[in-house]
């Protein structure tokens, strides 16, 4: 539990580092290994005031189990994801500028960059408009990502949610989502971006997910 608190606290600093959040908006959560619990950011607490001890622990219904603060206003959405996507161990939410601009238009980010094929395996999809506080955001997120390889979804008129097999992986997806959202936006200002053929997207995704980087020989 303590290690998960430390990890979630540390990863919130990455959201600030990569300019994905403003003021107290945004949050990271991670499952507690071996338990039906997750750790998430407290609501309305400044990023520079966050400590491992200030992180809160909730059950998979989003009910506070441990902590001195109220949990994030997005807790119900995180909890819904954990209940319905057992392979997911980390969830991130941001209102990063360029990705949220695509969300405001309700438009998927087209896969016109090899980096998108690598990380997202295709377009970054758009989920439905949903109000904060209940299960609606979580439902929209889970339904939208079904059948998609993307670990990111743009919730219409809202912002970005990402998932991963760890909170770190979900943070990486949020960073990459904003990066490609910005680049594709700039490309749109210059003209019509060129699509990548589906068989090339599939090849790039397979290579990045299974070959790229260092592999253990143990």
Protein backbone atom coordinates (compact mmCIF):
# COMPACT_ATOMS: atom_id res chain seq x y z
CA UNK A 1 0.00 0.00 0.00
CA UNK A 2 2.75 2.44 0.95
CA UNK A 3 4.67 1.78 -2.25
CA UNK A 4 1.54 2.45 -4.31
CA UNK A 5 1.01 5.72 -2.44
CA UNK A 6 4.60 6.75 -3.22
CA UNK A 7 4.28 5.80 -6.87
CA UNK A 8 1.00 7.67 -7.39
CA UNK A 9 2.32 10.75 -5.61
CA UNK A 10 5.53 10.77 -7.66
CA UNK A 11 3.67 10.36 -10.96
CA UNK A 12 1.53 13.45 -10.34
CA UNK A 13 4.74 15.44 -10.62
CA UNK A 14 5.13 14.08 -14.16
CA UNK A 15 1.81 15.65 -15.13
CA UNK A 16 3.19 19.02 -14.04
CA UNK A 17 6.56 18.36 -15.67
CA UNK A 18 4.96 17.73 -19.05
CA UNK A 19 2.48 20.63 -18.76
CA UNK A 20 -0.56 18.38 -18.83
CA UNK A 21 -2.42 20.04 -15.95
CA UNK A 22 -3.32 23.44 -14.53
CA UNK A 23 -3.97 24.35 -10.89
CA UNK A 24 -5.42 21.22 -9.20
CA UNK A 25 -7.03 19.60 -12.25
CA UNK A 26 -6.03 16.11 -13.33
CA UNK A 27 -5.34 12.89 -11.45
CA UNK A 28 -3.47 9.60 -11.42
CA UNK A 29 -4.59 6.36 -9.81
CA UNK A 30 -3.18 2.85 -9.48
CA UNK A 31 -4.51 -0.46 -8.20
CA UNK A 32 -3.11 -1.78 -4.97
CA UNK A 33 -1.51 -5.15 -5.88
CA UNK A 34 -3.48 -8.13 -4.64
CA UNK A 35 -6.39 -6.08 -3.26
CA UNK A 36 -9.66 -4.65 -4.57
CA UNK A 37 -8.42 -1.15 -3.82
CA UNK A 38 -6.79 1.75 -5.65
CA UNK A 39 -4.86 4.87 -4.67
CA UNK A 40 -5.84 8.23 -6.16
CA UNK A 41 -5.16 11.94 -5.75
CA UNK A 42 -7.24 13.85 -3.17
CA UNK A 43 -9.69 16.42 -4.52
CA UNK A 44 -8.61 20.05 -4.87
CA UNK A 45 -5.14 19.69 -3.33
CA UNK A 46 -2.31 21.60 -5.01
CA UNK A 47 0.29 19.49 -6.79
CA UNK A 48 3.15 20.95 -4.76
CA UNK A 49 1.36 19.96 -1.57
CA UNK A 50 0.90 16.31 -2.48
CA UNK A 51 2.68 13.70 -0.37
CA UNK A 52 2.38 9.91 -0.22
CA UNK A 53 0.43 10.33 3.01
CA UNK A 54 -2.08 12.68 1.37
CA UNK A 55 -3.02 10.12 -1.28
CA UNK A 56 -6.34 8.41 -0.62
CA UNK A 57 -7.34 4.76 -0.90
CA UNK A 58 -10.71 3.72 -2.32
CA UNK A 59 -12.45 0.43 -2.98
CA UNK A 60 -13.58 -0.54 -6.48
CA UNK A 61 -16.93 1.16 -5.88
CA UNK A 62 -15.08 4.43 -5.34
CA UNK A 63 -15.78 4.50 -1.60
CA UNK A 64 -13.09 6.07 0.59
CA UNK A 65 -11.30 3.42 2.64
CA UNK A 66 -8.27 5.26 3.94
CA UNK A 67 -7.11 8.86 3.91
CA UNK A 68 -7.60 12.27 5.49
CA UNK A 69 -8.98 13.96 2.36
CA UNK A 70 -11.94 13.52 0.04
CA UNK A 71 -10.95 11.60 -3.10
CA UNK A 72 -10.77 13.15 -6.58
CA UNK A 73 -14.05 14.17 -8.22
CA UNK A 74 -13.14 11.67 -10.97
CA UNK A 75 -12.92 8.73 -8.56
CA UNK A 76 -16.15 7.13 -9.79
CA UNK A 77 -14.79 7.04 -13.34
CA UNK A 78 -11.53 5.43 -12.22
CA UNK A 79 -13.44 2.89 -10.11
CA UNK A 80 -15.70 1.95 -13.03
CA UNK A 81 -12.67 1.30 -15.22
CA UNK A 82 -11.06 -0.93 -12.59
CA UNK A 83 -14.29 -2.90 -12.12
CA UNK A 84 -14.84 -3.50 -15.82
CA UNK A 85 -11.27 -3.70 -17.17
CA UNK A 86 -9.41 -6.10 -14.87
CA UNK A 87 -6.24 -5.90 -16.98
CA UNK A 88 -5.98 -2.15 -16.25
CA UNK A 89 -3.85 -1.19 -13.24
CA UNK A 90 -3.45 2.55 -13.83
CA UNK A 91 -5.72 5.40 -14.94
CA UNK A 92 -4.86 9.04 -15.68
CA UNK A 93 -7.03 12.06 -16.42
CA UNK A 94 -5.83 15.42 -17.75
CA UNK A 95 -7.18 18.49 -19.50
CA UNK A 96 -4.01 18.91 -21.57
CA UNK A 97 -4.43 21.74 -24.05
CA UNK A 98 -4.12 20.25 -27.52
CA UNK A 99 -5.77 16.91 -26.78
CA UNK A 100 -8.64 18.69 -25.02
CA UNK A 101 -9.04 20.93 -28.06
CA UNK A 102 -9.67 17.82 -30.16
CA UNK A 103 -12.11 16.65 -27.45
CA UNK A 104 -13.92 20.01 -27.61
CA UNK A 105 -14.48 19.41 -31.32
CA UNK A 106 -15.55 15.81 -30.69
CA UNK A 107 -13.03 14.69 -33.27
CA UNK A 108 -10.71 11.66 -33.09
CA UNK A 109 -7.02 12.34 -33.65
CA UNK A 110 -6.22 10.58 -36.95
CA UNK A 111 -3.28 8.20 -37.09
CA UNK A 112 -0.96 10.17 -39.35
CA UNK A 113 2.28 9.73 -37.39
CA UNK A 114 4.39 6.63 -36.85
CA UNK A 115 4.52 7.56 -33.14
CA UNK A 116 0.74 7.24 -33.04
CA UNK A 117 0.83 3.85 -34.72
CA UNK A 118 3.46 2.76 -32.18
CA UNK A 119 1.71 3.88 -29.01
CA UNK A 120 -1.99 3.94 -29.93
CA UNK A 121 -2.29 1.42 -32.76
CA UNK A 122 -4.55 3.75 -34.75
CA UNK A 123 -6.68 6.85 -34.24
CA UNK A 124 -7.23 8.16 -30.72
CA UNK A 125 -11.01 7.80 -30.31
CA UNK A 126 -13.60 10.17 -28.86
CA UNK A 127 -15.94 9.13 -26.08
CA UNK A 128 -19.40 10.61 -25.40
CA UNK A 129 -20.21 13.71 -23.40
CA UNK A 130 -20.77 12.79 -19.75
CA UNK A 131 -21.14 14.67 -16.50
CA UNK A 132 -18.60 14.34 -13.67
CA UNK A 133 -19.46 12.56 -10.46
CA UNK A 134 -21.19 9.30 -11.40
CA UNK A 135 -20.48 6.28 -13.57
CA UNK A 136 -21.26 7.97 -16.89
CA UNK A 137 -17.67 8.97 -17.70
CA UNK A 138 -16.42 5.50 -16.78
CA UNK A 139 -19.10 3.83 -18.90
CA UNK A 140 -18.30 6.03 -21.88
CA UNK A 141 -14.60 5.39 -21.47
CA UNK A 142 -14.90 1.60 -21.25
CA UNK A 143 -17.40 1.38 -24.13
CA UNK A 144 -15.25 3.60 -26.36
CA UNK A 145 -12.03 1.69 -25.75
CA UNK A 146 -13.68 -1.69 -26.42
CA UNK A 147 -12.32 -2.82 -29.76
CA UNK A 148 -9.61 -0.13 -29.80
CA UNK A 149 -5.89 -0.64 -29.23
CA UNK A 150 -5.58 2.93 -28.00
CA UNK A 151 -4.83 3.40 -24.29
CA UNK A 152 -6.23 6.95 -24.59
CA UNK A 153 -9.71 8.32 -25.16
CA UNK A 154 -10.81 11.92 -25.65
CA UNK A 155 -14.01 12.45 -23.69
CA UNK A 156 -16.10 14.96 -25.63
CA UNK A 157 -16.04 18.51 -24.24
CA UNK A 158 -13.93 17.30 -21.31
CA UNK A 159 -10.40 15.99 -21.72
CA UNK A 160 -8.18 12.95 -21.81
CA UNK A 161 -8.39 9.64 -19.97
CA UNK A 162 -5.67 7.04 -20.37
CA UNK A 163 -5.22 3.51 -19.10
CA UNK A 164 -2.24 1.20 -18.66
CA UNK A 165 -0.95 -1.94 -17.01
CA UNK A 166 0.54 0.44 -14.45
CA UNK A 167 0.05 4.07 -13.48
CA UNK A 168 3.39 4.87 -15.12
CA UNK A 169 2.18 3.38 -18.43
CA UNK A 170 -1.02 5.43 -18.21
CA UNK A 171 1.00 8.60 -17.57
CA UNK A 172 3.18 7.80 -20.58
CA UNK A 173 0.05 7.44 -22.72
CA UNK A 174 -1.19 10.83 -21.49
CA UNK A 175 2.14 12.46 -22.34
CA UNK A 176 2.20 10.88 -25.79
CA UNK A 177 -1.45 11.77 -26.42
CA UNK A 178 -0.77 15.45 -25.87
CA UNK A 179 2.40 15.31 -27.96
CA UNK A 180 0.70 13.83 -31.02
CA UNK A 181 -2.40 16.01 -30.55
CA UNK A 182 -0.17 19.07 -30.83
CA UNK A 183 1.76 17.79 -33.85
CA UNK A 184 -1.33 16.73 -35.78
CA UNK A 185 -2.96 20.08 -35.01
CA UNK A 186 0.07 21.90 -36.44
CA UNK A 187 0.01 19.63 -39.50
CA UNK A 188 -3.65 20.52 -40.04
CA UNK A 189 -2.71 24.22 -40.16
CA UNK A 190 -0.27 23.48 -42.99
CA UNK A 191 -2.59 21.28 -45.03
CA UNK A 192 -4.14 17.84 -45.01
CA UNK A 193 -2.03 15.28 -43.13
CA UNK A 194 -1.24 12.11 -45.07
CA UNK A 195 -2.85 8.92 -43.71
CA UNK A 196 -0.80 5.82 -42.91
CA UNK A 197 -2.01 2.62 -44.51
CA UNK A 198 -3.57 0.17 -42.07
CA UNK A 199 -1.07 -2.62 -42.74
CA UNK A 200 1.78 -0.22 -41.91
CA UNK A 201 -0.01 0.85 -38.70
CA UNK A 202 -0.37 -2.81 -37.71
CA UNK A 203 3.32 -3.50 -38.40
CA UNK A 204 4.49 -0.43 -36.47
CA UNK A 205 2.24 -1.24 -33.50
CA UNK A 206 3.39 -4.86 -33.35
CA UNK A 207 7.05 -3.86 -33.52
CA UNK A 208 6.79 -1.15 -30.87
CA UNK A 209 4.77 -3.25 -28.44
CA UNK A 210 6.86 -6.42 -28.78
CA UNK A 211 10.32 -5.58 -30.11
CA UNK A 212 11.19 -1.96 -29.30
CA UNK A 213 13.35 -1.18 -26.27
CA UNK A 214 15.39 -3.40 -23.98
CA UNK A 215 14.31 -6.96 -23.30
CA UNK A 216 15.32 -9.07 -20.35
CA UNK A 217 17.34 -12.22 -21.16
CA UNK A 218 16.47 -13.82 -17.83
